[in-house]
Amino acid sequence: MSSENGTIETDGEAAVIRFERHLPFPIETVWAAITEPAQRRAWFGETVLDTEAGIIEMLPGDPPAPDDAKRMTGRILVWQPPRVFEHEWRQRIVEDGVVRYELSETPDGTLLKFTHRGLSVRNAQGFIPGTHAFFDRLAAHLAGAELPAWGQRYAAVAPAYPSWS
């Protein structure tokens, strides 16, 4: 994928969000940013990740919504450091799903492949610009740069995504 934009694949009312991002950092650095709670807090929000108990809980700092609507919980399904991290996505406002991060080394960094399965087409349309904004924040975090405001990034990238309404 040559674009930093994600895609939505649909099958009836079911959707899968996909992103591929090249990050010019070693795989271990990207893995740490995705899986260490202190680093996730910087670009995503409060995170509890307990690999022994096999659970994850996240509370994003954004979007501006009540905590009970933003809170996500789930079981860790795949834990293969520093290559694959997959977990359930249970959130009150959307269908239960599965999120997967796959990392592979490239000559000049790391390729991150991300999928979010289980959403309805309507909910995927709302989630994809937000996911894009979070990945822009991840890239800035890794670079040691100022993180873009999530809401501003969401608004800036949302027009790039089609609407099937």
C-alpha atoms as a PDB file:
ATOM      1  CA  MET A   1       0.000   0.000   0.000  1.00  0.00           C
ATOM      2  CA  SER A   2       1.597   3.267  -1.047  1.00  0.00           C
ATOM      3  CA  SER A   3      -0.726   5.482   0.984  1.00  0.00           C
ATOM      4  CA  GLU A   4      -0.831   5.986   4.735  1.00  0.00           C
ATOM      5  CA  ASN A   5      -4.610   5.742   4.410  1.00  0.00           C
ATOM      6  CA  GLY A   6      -6.387   2.642   5.546  1.00  0.00           C
ATOM      7  CA  THR A   7      -8.951   0.625   3.652  1.00  0.00           C
ATOM      8  CA  ILE A   8     -12.296  -0.894   4.495  1.00  0.00           C
ATOM      9  CA  GLU A   9     -13.146  -4.258   2.994  1.00  0.00           C
ATOM     10  CA  THR A  10     -16.806  -5.182   3.132  1.00  0.00           C
ATOM     11  CA  ASP A  11     -18.754  -8.419   2.940  1.00  0.00           C
ATOM     12  CA  GLY A  12     -22.407  -7.565   3.238  1.00  0.00           C
ATOM     13  CA  GLU A  13     -22.727  -5.599   6.483  1.00  0.00           C
ATOM     14  CA  ALA A  14     -19.410  -6.864   7.915  1.00  0.00           C
ATOM     15  CA  ALA A  15     -16.245  -4.808   7.512  1.00  0.00           C
ATOM     16  CA  VAL A  16     -12.503  -5.105   8.066  1.00  0.00           C
ATOM     17  CA  ILE A  17     -10.305  -2.043   8.545  1.00  0.00           C
ATOM     18  CA  ARG A  18      -6.733  -2.447   7.249  1.00  0.00           C
ATOM     19  CA  PHE A  19      -3.685  -0.220   7.561  1.00  0.00           C
ATOM     20  CA  GLU A  20      -0.094  -0.689   6.459  1.00  0.00           C
ATOM     21  CA  ARG A  21       2.378   1.817   7.817  1.00  0.00           C
ATOM     22  CA  HIS A  22       6.118   1.895   7.276  1.00  0.00           C
ATOM     23  CA  LEU A  23       7.818   3.230  10.394  1.00  0.00           C
ATOM     24  CA  PRO A  24      11.544   4.089  10.109  1.00  0.00           C
ATOM     25  CA  PHE A  25      12.404   2.498  13.456  1.00  0.00           C
ATOM     26  CA  PRO A  26      13.649  -0.946  14.548  1.00  0.00           C
ATOM     27  CA  ILE A  27      10.993  -3.602  15.119  1.00  0.00           C
ATOM     28  CA  GLU A  28      11.729  -3.736  18.873  1.00  0.00           C
ATOM     29  CA  THR A  29      11.109   0.022  19.161  1.00  0.00           C
ATOM     30  CA  VAL A  30       7.756  -0.212  17.350  1.00  0.00           C
ATOM     31  CA  TRP A  31       6.775  -3.296  19.380  1.00  0.00           C
ATOM     32  CA  ALA A  32       7.476  -1.421  22.617  1.00  0.00           C
ATOM     33  CA  ALA A  33       5.384   1.566  21.499  1.00  0.00           C
ATOM     34  CA  ILE A  34       2.447  -0.742  20.724  1.00  0.00           C
ATOM     35  CA  THR A  35       2.673  -3.021  23.768  1.00  0.00           C
ATOM     36  CA  GLU A  36       4.179  -1.116  26.710  1.00  0.00           C
ATOM     37  CA  PRO A  37       1.435   0.649  28.700  1.00  0.00           C
ATOM     38  CA  ALA A  38       3.545   3.754  29.424  1.00  0.00           C
ATOM     39  CA  GLN A  39       4.246   4.235  25.716  1.00  0.00           C
ATOM     40  CA  ARG A  40       0.648   3.474  24.642  1.00  0.00           C
ATOM     41  CA  ARG A  41      -0.533   6.114  27.097  1.00  0.00           C
ATOM     42  CA  ALA A  42       1.441   8.736  25.165  1.00  0.00           C
ATOM     43  CA  TRP A  43      -0.203   8.160  21.776  1.00  0.00           C
ATOM     44  CA  PHE A  44      -3.407   6.232  22.519  1.00  0.00           C
ATOM     45  CA  GLY A  45      -4.517   6.382  26.147  1.00  0.00           C
ATOM     46  CA  GLU A  46      -4.486   4.492  29.421  1.00  0.00           C
ATOM     47  CA  THR A  47      -3.718   0.830  28.831  1.00  0.00           C
ATOM     48  CA  VAL A  48      -3.545  -2.238  31.049  1.00  0.00           C
ATOM     49  CA  LEU A  49      -1.808  -5.092  29.283  1.00  0.00           C
ATOM     50  CA  ASP A  50      -1.360  -8.253  31.355  1.00  0.00           C
ATOM     51  CA  THR A  51       0.168 -11.005  29.234  1.00  0.00           C
ATOM     52  CA  GLU A  52       0.156 -13.501  32.122  1.00  0.00           C
ATOM     53  CA  ALA A  53      -3.583 -13.084  32.681  1.00  0.00           C
ATOM     54  CA  GLY A  54      -4.124 -12.642  28.931  1.00  0.00           C
ATOM     55  CA  ILE A  55      -6.118  -9.406  29.175  1.00  0.00           C
ATOM     56  CA  ILE A  56      -6.051  -5.903  27.759  1.00  0.00           C
ATOM     57  CA  GLU A  57      -8.048  -2.860  28.803  1.00  0.00           C
ATOM     58  CA  MET A  58      -7.773   0.524  27.137  1.00  0.00           C
ATOM     59  CA  LEU A  59      -9.279   3.927  27.711  1.00  0.00           C
ATOM     60  CA  PRO A  60      -8.329   6.277  24.872  1.00  0.00           C
ATOM     61  CA  GLY A  61      -7.715   9.900  25.740  1.00  0.00           C
ATOM     62  CA  ASP A  62      -9.809  10.763  22.690  1.00  0.00           C
ATOM     63  CA  PRO A  63     -12.389  10.990  21.187  1.00  0.00           C
ATOM     64  CA  PRO A  64     -14.320  13.327  23.456  1.00  0.00           C
ATOM     65  CA  ALA A  65     -16.912  10.806  24.624  1.00  0.00           C
ATOM     66  CA  PRO A  66     -17.925   9.342  28.002  1.00  0.00           C
ATOM     67  CA  ASP A  67     -15.408   6.863  29.412  1.00  0.00           C
ATOM     68  CA  ASP A  68     -17.955   4.013  29.401  1.00  0.00           C
ATOM     69  CA  ALA A  69     -18.372   4.502  25.631  1.00  0.00           C
ATOM     70  CA  LYS A  70     -14.617   4.614  24.935  1.00  0.00           C
ATOM     71  CA  ARG A  71     -13.460   1.832  27.272  1.00  0.00           C
ATOM     72  CA  MET A  72     -12.277  -1.311  25.481  1.00  0.00           C
ATOM     73  CA  THR A  73     -11.585  -4.703  27.029  1.00  0.00           C
ATOM     74  CA  GLY A  74     -10.574  -8.050  25.660  1.00  0.00           C
ATOM     75  CA  ARG A  75      -8.533 -11.203  25.874  1.00  0.00           C
ATOM     76  CA  ILE A  76      -5.095 -11.396  24.285  1.00  0.00           C
ATOM     77  CA  LEU A  77      -5.382 -13.987  21.508  1.00  0.00           C
ATOM     78  CA  VAL A  78      -1.857 -13.948  20.036  1.00  0.00           C
ATOM     79  CA  TRP A  79       1.327 -12.741  21.751  1.00  0.00           C
ATOM     80  CA  GLN A  80       4.475 -13.333  19.691  1.00  0.00           C
ATOM     81  CA  PRO A  81       7.013 -10.591  20.556  1.00  0.00           C
ATOM     82  CA  PRO A  82       8.127  -8.636  18.600  1.00  0.00           C
ATOM     83  CA  ARG A  83       6.024  -9.716  15.616  1.00  0.00           C
ATOM     84  CA  VAL A  84       2.316 -10.343  16.340  1.00  0.00           C
ATOM     85  CA  PHE A  85      -0.118  -8.968  18.905  1.00  0.00           C
ATOM     86  CA  GLU A  86      -3.807  -9.796  18.519  1.00  0.00           C
ATOM     87  CA  HIS A  87      -6.625  -9.152  20.956  1.00  0.00           C
ATOM     88  CA  GLU A  88     -10.366  -8.998  21.249  1.00  0.00           C
ATOM     89  CA  TRP A  89     -12.025  -5.601  21.000  1.00  0.00           C
ATOM     90  CA  ARG A  90     -15.085  -5.363  23.235  1.00  0.00           C
ATOM     91  CA  GLN A  91     -16.562  -1.903  23.449  1.00  0.00           C
ATOM     92  CA  ARG A  92     -20.090  -0.934  24.402  1.00  0.00           C
ATOM     93  CA  ILE A  93     -20.663   1.246  21.331  1.00  0.00           C
ATOM     94  CA  VAL A  94     -19.664  -1.256  18.605  1.00  0.00           C
ATOM     95  CA  GLU A  95     -19.781  -4.926  17.723  1.00  0.00           C
ATOM     96  CA  ASP A  96     -17.226  -7.243  19.328  1.00  0.00           C
ATOM     97  CA  GLY A  97     -14.192  -7.612  17.116  1.00  0.00           C
ATOM     98  CA  VAL A  98     -10.533  -8.568  16.884  1.00  0.00           C
ATOM     99  CA  VAL A  99      -7.567  -6.225  16.415  1.00  0.00           C
ATOM    100  CA  ARG A 100      -4.244  -7.522  15.055  1.00  0.00           C
ATOM    101  CA  TYR A 101      -0.842  -5.849  14.792  1.00  0.00           C
ATOM    102  CA  GLU A 102       1.753  -7.625  12.626  1.00  0.00           C
ATOM    103  CA  LEU A 103       5.292  -6.249  12.486  1.00  0.00           C
ATOM    104  CA  SER A 104       7.988  -7.184   9.997  1.00  0.00           C
ATOM    105  CA  GLU A 105      11.477  -5.829   9.537  1.00  0.00           C
ATOM    106  CA  THR A 106      12.325  -3.874   6.406  1.00  0.00           C
ATOM    107  CA  PRO A 107      15.742  -2.644   5.254  1.00  0.00           C
ATOM    108  CA  ASP A 108      14.996   0.785   6.722  1.00  0.00           C
ATOM    109  CA  GLY A 109      12.611   0.118   9.594  1.00  0.00           C
ATOM    110  CA  THR A 110       9.417  -1.768  10.331  1.00  0.00           C
ATOM    111  CA  LEU A 111       6.243  -2.496   8.394  1.00  0.00           C
ATOM    112  CA  LEU A 112       3.157  -2.413  10.615  1.00  0.00           C
ATOM    113  CA  LYS A 113       0.130  -4.279   9.262  1.00  0.00           C
ATOM    114  CA  PHE A 114      -3.025  -3.647  11.266  1.00  0.00           C
ATOM    115  CA  THR A 115      -6.515  -5.133  10.976  1.00  0.00           C
ATOM    116  CA  HIS A 116      -9.714  -4.545  12.916  1.00  0.00           C
ATOM    117  CA  ARG A 117     -12.282  -7.246  12.110  1.00  0.00           C
ATOM    118  CA  GLY A 118     -15.864  -7.566  13.263  1.00  0.00           C
ATOM    119  CA  LEU A 119     -17.221  -4.058  12.799  1.00  0.00           C
ATOM    120  CA  SER A 120     -20.336  -3.194  10.823  1.00  0.00           C
ATOM    121  CA  VAL A 121     -19.726  -1.119   7.696  1.00  0.00           C
ATOM    122  CA  ARG A 122     -21.256   1.918   9.425  1.00  0.00           C
ATOM    123  CA  ASN A 123     -19.030   1.598  12.489  1.00  0.00           C
ATOM    124  CA  ALA A 124     -15.930   0.917  10.364  1.00  0.00           C
ATOM    125  CA  GLN A 125     -16.600   4.190   8.537  1.00  0.00           C
ATOM    126  CA  GLY A 126     -16.550   6.023  11.861  1.00  0.00           C
ATOM    127  CA  PHE A 127     -13.520   4.151  13.190  1.00  0.00           C
ATOM    128  CA  ILE A 128     -11.178   4.382  10.198  1.00  0.00           C
ATOM    129  CA  PRO A 129     -10.371   8.123  10.414  1.00  0.00           C
ATOM    130  CA  GLY A 130      -9.882   7.725  14.173  1.00  0.00           C
ATOM    131  CA  THR A 131      -7.547   4.774  13.689  1.00  0.00           C
ATOM    132  CA  HIS A 132      -5.652   6.822  11.096  1.00  0.00           C
ATOM    133  CA  ALA A 133      -5.320   9.675  13.607  1.00  0.00           C
ATOM    134  CA  PHE A 134      -4.009   7.287  16.284  1.00  0.00           C
ATOM    135  CA  PHE A 135      -1.398   5.871  13.881  1.00  0.00           C
ATOM    136  CA  ASP A 136      -0.286   9.430  13.028  1.00  0.00           C
ATOM    137  CA  ARG A 137       0.136   9.975  16.775  1.00  0.00           C
ATOM    138  CA  LEU A 138       2.104   6.699  17.049  1.00  0.00           C
ATOM    139  CA  ALA A 139       4.468   7.835  14.269  1.00  0.00           C
ATOM    140  CA  ALA A 140       5.007  11.196  15.984  1.00  0.00           C
ATOM    141  CA  HIS A 141       5.606   9.460  19.332  1.00  0.00           C
ATOM    142  CA  LEU A 142       8.238   7.205  17.774  1.00  0.00           C
ATOM    143  CA  ALA A 143       9.929  10.208  16.130  1.00  0.00           C
ATOM    144  CA  GLY A 144       9.982  12.159  19.394  1.00  0.00           C
ATOM    145  CA  ALA A 145       7.875  14.860  17.739  1.00  0.00           C
ATOM    146  CA  GLU A 146       4.888  16.756  19.077  1.00  0.00           C
ATOM    147  CA  LEU A 147       1.807  14.570  18.795  1.00  0.00           C
ATOM    148  CA  PRO A 148      -0.952  15.891  16.541  1.00  0.00           C
ATOM    149  CA  ALA A 149      -4.255  16.541  18.271  1.00  0.00           C
ATOM    150  CA  TRP A 150      -6.463  13.502  17.683  1.00  0.00           C
ATOM    151  CA  GLY A 151      -9.607  15.506  16.848  1.00  0.00           C
ATOM    152  CA  GLN A 152      -7.792  17.724  14.362  1.00  0.00           C
ATOM    153  CA  ARG A 153      -6.212  14.721  12.626  1.00  0.00           C
ATOM    154  CA  TYR A 154      -9.596  12.945  12.519  1.00  0.00           C
ATOM    155  CA  ALA A 155     -11.201  15.978  10.875  1.00  0.00           C
ATOM    156  CA  ALA A 156      -8.306  16.375   8.433  1.00  0.00           C
ATOM    157  CA  VAL A 157      -8.253  12.747   7.234  1.00  0.00           C
ATOM    158  CA  ALA A 158     -11.980  11.888   7.342  1.00  0.00           C
ATOM    159  CA  PRO A 159     -12.718  13.352   3.862  1.00  0.00           C
ATOM    160  CA  ALA A 160     -10.225  10.872   2.345  1.00  0.00           C
ATOM    161  CA  TYR A 161     -12.449   7.952   3.303  1.00  0.00           C
ATOM    162  CA  PRO A 162     -15.537   6.984   1.278  1.00  0.00           C
ATOM    163  CA  SER A 163     -18.999   6.850   2.727  1.00  0.00           C
ATOM    164  CA  TRP A 164     -21.394   4.053   1.851  1.00  0.00           C
ATOM    165  CA  SER A 165     -24.368   5.606   3.615  1.00  0.00           C
END
